[in-house]
Protein backbone atom coordinates (compact mmCIF):
# COMPACT_ATOMS: atom_id res chain seq x y z
CA UNK A 1 110.83 108.02 92.09
CA UNK A 2 110.41 105.60 95.01
CA UNK A 3 106.83 104.60 94.08
CA UNK A 4 108.08 102.05 91.53
CA UNK A 5 109.24 98.57 92.47
CA UNK A 6 111.82 96.37 90.78
CA UNK A 7 111.89 92.62 91.35
CA UNK A 8 115.00 90.48 90.91
CA UNK A 9 113.90 86.87 90.57
CA UNK A 10 116.11 83.82 90.23
CA UNK A 11 116.17 80.11 90.91
CA UNK A 12 119.69 80.67 92.28
CA UNK A 13 121.17 83.41 94.42
CA UNK A 14 119.91 86.19 92.15
CA UNK A 15 123.32 87.85 91.95
CA UNK A 16 123.34 87.75 88.15
CA UNK A 17 119.84 89.20 87.81
CA UNK A 18 120.50 91.93 90.34
CA UNK A 19 123.91 92.89 88.99
CA UNK A 20 122.63 93.14 85.43
CA UNK A 21 119.40 94.85 86.47
CA UNK A 22 121.18 97.45 88.56
CA UNK A 23 123.57 98.19 85.70
CA UNK A 24 120.58 98.95 83.47
CA UNK A 25 118.71 100.94 86.12
CA UNK A 26 121.78 103.08 86.76
CA UNK A 27 121.15 104.70 83.38
CA UNK A 28 117.99 106.33 84.73
CA UNK A 29 117.50 109.04 87.38
CA UNK A 30 115.27 106.87 89.55
CA UNK A 31 115.48 105.22 92.95
CA UNK A 32 112.99 102.36 92.85
CA UNK A 33 112.23 99.95 95.66
CA UNK A 34 114.28 96.77 95.27
CA UNK A 35 112.68 93.40 95.95
CA UNK A 36 114.96 90.35 95.87
CA UNK A 37 113.45 86.92 95.48
CA UNK A 38 116.15 84.20 95.13
CA UNK A 39 115.67 80.43 94.99
CA UNK A 40 112.36 80.52 93.10
CA UNK A 41 112.81 76.94 91.94
CA UNK A 42 109.31 75.48 92.18
CA UNK A 43 105.92 76.18 90.68
CA UNK A 44 104.48 77.00 94.11
CA UNK A 45 107.18 79.61 94.74
CA UNK A 46 106.60 81.10 91.28
CA UNK A 47 102.87 81.47 91.98
CA UNK A 48 103.68 83.12 95.31
CA UNK A 49 105.96 85.68 93.64
CA UNK A 50 103.36 86.41 90.95
CA UNK A 51 100.79 87.16 93.66
CA UNK A 52 103.27 89.53 95.26
CA UNK A 53 104.08 91.28 91.97
CA UNK A 54 100.40 91.66 91.11
CA UNK A 55 99.63 93.03 94.56
CA UNK A 56 102.41 95.61 94.20
CA UNK A 57 101.12 96.59 90.75
CA UNK A 58 97.64 97.22 92.13
CA UNK A 59 98.93 99.08 95.16
CA UNK A 60 101.33 101.35 93.27
CA UNK A 61 99.21 101.78 90.16
CA UNK A 62 102.26 101.05 88.00
CA UNK A 63 103.55 97.74 86.79
CA UNK A 64 106.71 96.59 88.56
CA UNK A 65 109.90 95.93 86.62
CA UNK A 66 110.96 92.27 86.78
CA UNK A 67 114.47 91.02 86.00
CA UNK A 68 114.63 87.25 86.09
CA UNK A 69 117.06 84.41 85.53
CA UNK A 70 114.98 81.24 85.63
CA UNK A 71 115.65 78.00 83.80
CA UNK A 72 112.58 76.09 85.02
CA UNK A 73 110.15 76.35 82.10
CA UNK A 74 107.04 75.95 84.26
CA UNK A 75 108.16 78.66 86.66
CA UNK A 76 109.09 80.85 83.68
CA UNK A 77 105.62 80.68 82.17
CA UNK A 78 104.03 81.52 85.52
CA UNK A 79 106.24 84.59 86.06
CA UNK A 80 105.67 85.77 82.49
CA UNK A 81 101.96 85.95 83.25
CA UNK A 82 102.38 88.51 86.02
CA UNK A 83 101.34 92.17 85.85
CA UNK A 84 104.94 93.37 85.75
CA UNK A 85 107.21 94.33 82.86
CA UNK A 86 109.33 91.18 82.61
CA UNK A 87 112.91 91.02 81.31
CA UNK A 88 113.90 87.39 80.82
CA UNK A 89 117.70 87.31 80.69
CA UNK A 90 117.85 83.68 79.55
CA UNK A 91 115.57 84.25 76.57
CA UNK A 92 117.16 87.60 75.73
CA UNK A 93 120.79 86.52 75.83
CA UNK A 94 121.31 82.78 76.27
CA UNK A 95 118.92 81.48 73.62
CA UNK A 96 120.29 83.71 70.82
CA UNK A 97 123.81 82.61 71.77
CA UNK A 98 122.75 78.97 71.61
CA UNK A 99 121.70 79.62 68.02
CA UNK A 100 124.89 81.52 67.24
CA UNK A 101 127.18 78.88 68.74
CA UNK A 102 125.01 76.02 67.46
CA UNK A 103 125.03 74.37 70.86
CA UNK A 104 122.90 74.16 73.98
CA UNK A 105 124.02 76.01 77.11
CA UNK A 106 124.22 74.23 80.42
CA UNK A 107 121.43 76.54 81.64
CA UNK A 108 123.35 77.21 84.81
CA UNK A 109 122.80 80.73 86.07
CA UNK A 110 125.49 82.32 88.21
CA UNK A 111 129.19 81.72 88.73
CA UNK A 112 129.39 78.41 90.49
CA UNK A 113 127.99 74.93 90.02
CA UNK A 114 129.30 72.69 92.81
CA UNK A 115 131.18 74.84 95.29
CA UNK A 116 132.78 71.78 96.83
CA UNK A 117 134.85 71.20 93.68
CA UNK A 118 134.85 74.67 92.09
CA UNK A 119 138.43 75.92 92.04
CA UNK A 120 137.45 79.52 91.31
CA UNK A 121 135.12 79.56 94.30
CA UNK A 122 137.79 78.13 96.60
CA UNK A 123 140.28 80.72 95.32
CA UNK A 124 137.87 83.48 96.31
CA UNK A 125 137.39 82.08 99.79
CA UNK A 126 141.14 81.79 100.21
CA UNK A 127 141.58 85.38 99.01
CA UNK A 128 138.93 86.65 101.45
CA UNK A 129 140.63 84.87 104.35
CA UNK A 130 143.97 86.32 103.27
CA UNK A 131 142.61 89.86 103.00
CA UNK A 132 140.97 89.67 106.42
CA UNK A 133 144.15 88.34 108.02
CA UNK A 134 146.19 91.12 106.43
CA UNK A 135 143.74 93.96 107.06
CA UNK A 136 145.11 97.21 108.47
CA UNK A 137 148.67 95.87 108.69
CA UNK A 138 147.69 93.21 111.24
CA UNK A 139 150.11 90.64 109.87
CA UNK A 140 153.18 90.47 107.67
CA UNK A 141 153.04 86.67 107.54
CA UNK A 142 153.00 85.30 103.98
CA UNK A 143 152.91 88.81 102.57
CA UNK A 144 154.87 87.49 99.61
CA UNK A 145 151.65 85.70 98.56
CA UNK A 146 149.76 88.99 98.16
CA UNK A 147 148.71 90.02 94.66
CA UNK A 148 148.59 93.64 95.78
CA UNK A 149 149.27 95.63 98.96
CA UNK A 150 147.17 98.75 99.40
CA UNK A 151 148.76 101.64 101.30
CA UNK A 152 147.35 104.96 102.42
CA UNK A 153 146.25 106.95 105.44
CA UNK A 154 143.65 105.57 107.80
CA UNK A 155 140.06 105.67 106.42
CA UNK A 156 141.04 106.21 102.79
CA UNK A 157 139.14 103.13 101.58
CA UNK A 158 141.77 100.38 101.83
CA UNK A 159 139.72 97.77 103.71
CA UNK A 160 136.55 97.81 101.56
CA UNK A 161 138.68 97.81 98.41
CA UNK A 162 140.72 94.84 99.66
CA UNK A 163 137.60 92.85 100.46
CA UNK A 164 135.96 93.74 97.14
CA UNK A 165 139.04 92.58 95.24
CA UNK A 166 139.01 89.31 97.17
CA UNK A 167 135.29 88.65 96.92
CA UNK A 168 134.76 89.65 93.30
CA UNK A 169 138.09 88.75 91.70
CA UNK A 170 139.83 86.28 94.00
CA UNK A 171 142.71 88.74 94.48
CA UNK A 172 144.78 88.39 97.63
CA UNK A 173 144.90 92.00 98.77
CA UNK A 174 146.66 93.11 101.94
CA UNK A 175 146.41 96.68 103.23
CA UNK A 176 148.74 98.66 105.43
CA UNK A 177 148.04 102.13 106.88
CA UNK A 178 150.54 104.94 106.65
CA UNK A 179 150.79 106.52 110.10
CA UNK A 180 152.58 109.55 111.62
CA UNK A 181 155.54 107.38 112.68
CA UNK A 182 156.11 106.49 109.03
CA UNK A 183 156.06 110.17 108.07
CA UNK A 184 158.56 110.98 110.82
CA UNK A 185 160.91 108.29 109.49
CA UNK A 186 160.28 109.40 105.94
CA UNK A 187 159.92 105.95 104.39
CA UNK A 188 157.46 103.09 104.06
CA UNK A 189 156.82 100.70 106.97
CA UNK A 190 159.72 98.20 107.08
CA UNK A 191 157.37 95.26 106.45
CA UNK A 192 156.64 96.68 102.98
CA UNK A 193 160.21 97.15 101.77
CA UNK A 194 160.54 93.73 100.10
CA UNK A 195 157.13 94.12 98.47
CA UNK A 196 157.22 97.68 97.18
CA UNK A 197 156.52 96.55 93.63
CA UNK A 198 153.20 95.10 94.83
CA UNK A 199 152.11 98.31 96.52
CA UNK A 200 149.30 100.53 95.27
CA UNK A 201 148.30 103.71 97.06
CA UNK A 202 144.96 105.24 97.95
CA UNK A 203 144.58 108.86 98.91
CA UNK A 204 141.60 111.08 99.67
CA UNK A 205 140.73 114.77 99.88
CA UNK A 206 141.44 116.11 103.41
CA UNK A 207 137.96 117.59 103.86
CA UNK A 208 136.30 114.28 103.05
CA UNK A 209 138.78 112.41 105.25
CA UNK A 210 137.98 114.72 108.15
CA UNK A 211 134.25 114.09 107.71
CA UNK A 212 134.76 110.32 107.72
CA UNK A 213 137.04 110.36 110.75
CA UNK A 214 134.71 112.64 112.69
CA UNK A 215 132.01 110.01 112.37
CA UNK A 216 134.34 107.63 114.18
CA UNK A 217 136.16 109.94 116.60
CA UNK A 218 134.35 113.30 116.71
CA UNK A 219 136.39 116.29 117.84
CA UNK A 220 139.67 114.37 118.00
CA UNK A 221 143.05 115.44 116.65
CA UNK A 222 142.88 112.33 114.48
CA UNK A 223 139.81 113.79 112.74
CA UNK A 224 140.85 117.44 112.64
CA UNK A 225 141.11 119.02 109.19
CA UNK A 226 144.63 120.26 109.94
CA UNK A 227 145.83 116.76 110.81
CA UNK A 228 144.08 115.24 107.81
CA UNK A 229 145.76 117.75 105.52
CA UNK A 230 149.14 116.89 107.01
CA UNK A 231 148.69 113.12 106.74
CA UNK A 232 147.40 113.23 103.16
CA UNK A 233 150.21 115.56 102.08
CA UNK A 234 152.86 113.36 103.70
CA UNK A 235 151.39 110.14 102.34
CA UNK A 236 151.22 111.45 98.78
CA UNK A 237 154.77 112.78 99.01
CA UNK A 238 155.99 109.40 100.28
CA UNK A 239 154.25 107.50 97.49
CA UNK A 240 155.79 109.83 94.92
CA UNK A 241 159.27 109.28 96.38
CA UNK A 242 158.83 105.53 96.48
CA UNK A 243 157.44 105.37 92.93
CA UNK A 244 154.12 103.87 94.06
CA UNK A 245 151.11 104.35 91.77
CA UNK A 246 148.11 105.82 93.57
CA UNK A 247 144.69 107.33 93.05
CA UNK A 248 142.15 109.32 95.03
CA UNK A 249 139.15 107.46 96.40
CA UNK A 250 137.21 110.66 97.10
CA UNK A 251 134.86 110.57 94.12
CA UNK A 252 135.31 106.98 92.97
CA UNK A 253 133.25 103.90 93.71
CA UNK A 254 134.83 100.72 95.05
CA UNK A 255 134.25 99.15 91.64
CA UNK A 256 136.15 101.94 89.86
CA UNK A 257 139.03 101.78 92.33
CA UNK A 258 139.28 98.00 92.06
CA UNK A 259 139.20 98.08 88.25
CA UNK A 260 142.02 100.63 88.16
CA UNK A 261 144.11 98.52 90.53
CA UNK A 262 143.49 95.37 88.52
CA UNK A 263 144.38 97.13 85.31
CA UNK A 264 147.76 98.08 86.76
CA UNK A 265 148.72 95.06 88.87
CA UNK A 266 146.67 92.05 87.71
CA UNK A 267 145.09 92.67 84.30
CA UNK A 268 144.24 89.00 83.82
CA UNK A 269 141.77 89.26 86.71
CA UNK A 270 139.66 91.73 84.74
CA UNK A 271 138.15 88.67 83.06
CA UNK A 272 134.91 87.79 84.82
């Protein structure tokens, strides 16, 4: 159902509105058109968005869905008058909690207030830099600072998982590929020996691995199904011998993989 539009409107980045909205939309077998409109922080911008929503409603013959996180009362009233079905997250969730807690909220939408002094924000940036520096086994420098070290064969999902952990949870995640030389030796790369307790493994079904690798190096031995079977088998056997927890990324989203890793190695980071 691509003839239905969903607007995510915010006077900030819109991350909160979009994350929440997408979680709700995932419950329905639809694929609507997404329209992101961040930084709607003036009356003029609110009027502009309303014109856009109304135009879409007339063009599609169905009212758009609108998820919004606005704290400007004037802008709020303008958006509420549009031809879309509006879901006001502040009114739905924040105002009832103000009553329950008997206090006013700071009406700040999103994670960060002043990024220049926000420790959590700076921790995330530091974690991202760390994960990029330690991507694909590029560096063993300061590896003792890693919260987790992901291991697995090439193209099993280590890099996107590392970056997701850093960006979303401020986790310093390094990742190191397991390569044929490691299988010939029969043990983990030497750089990982002191940090085995921090290791977490990712594996993947050989057929899927072959498909992914063929997109990168079509027709190569690297991408052949026979080689993929061998590498996956050897990697899983090595992780079993070394006592490293691991999971298959074949049918799991990055979010599911990251949550499993956090549960096992850094449960305190599961707190948003």
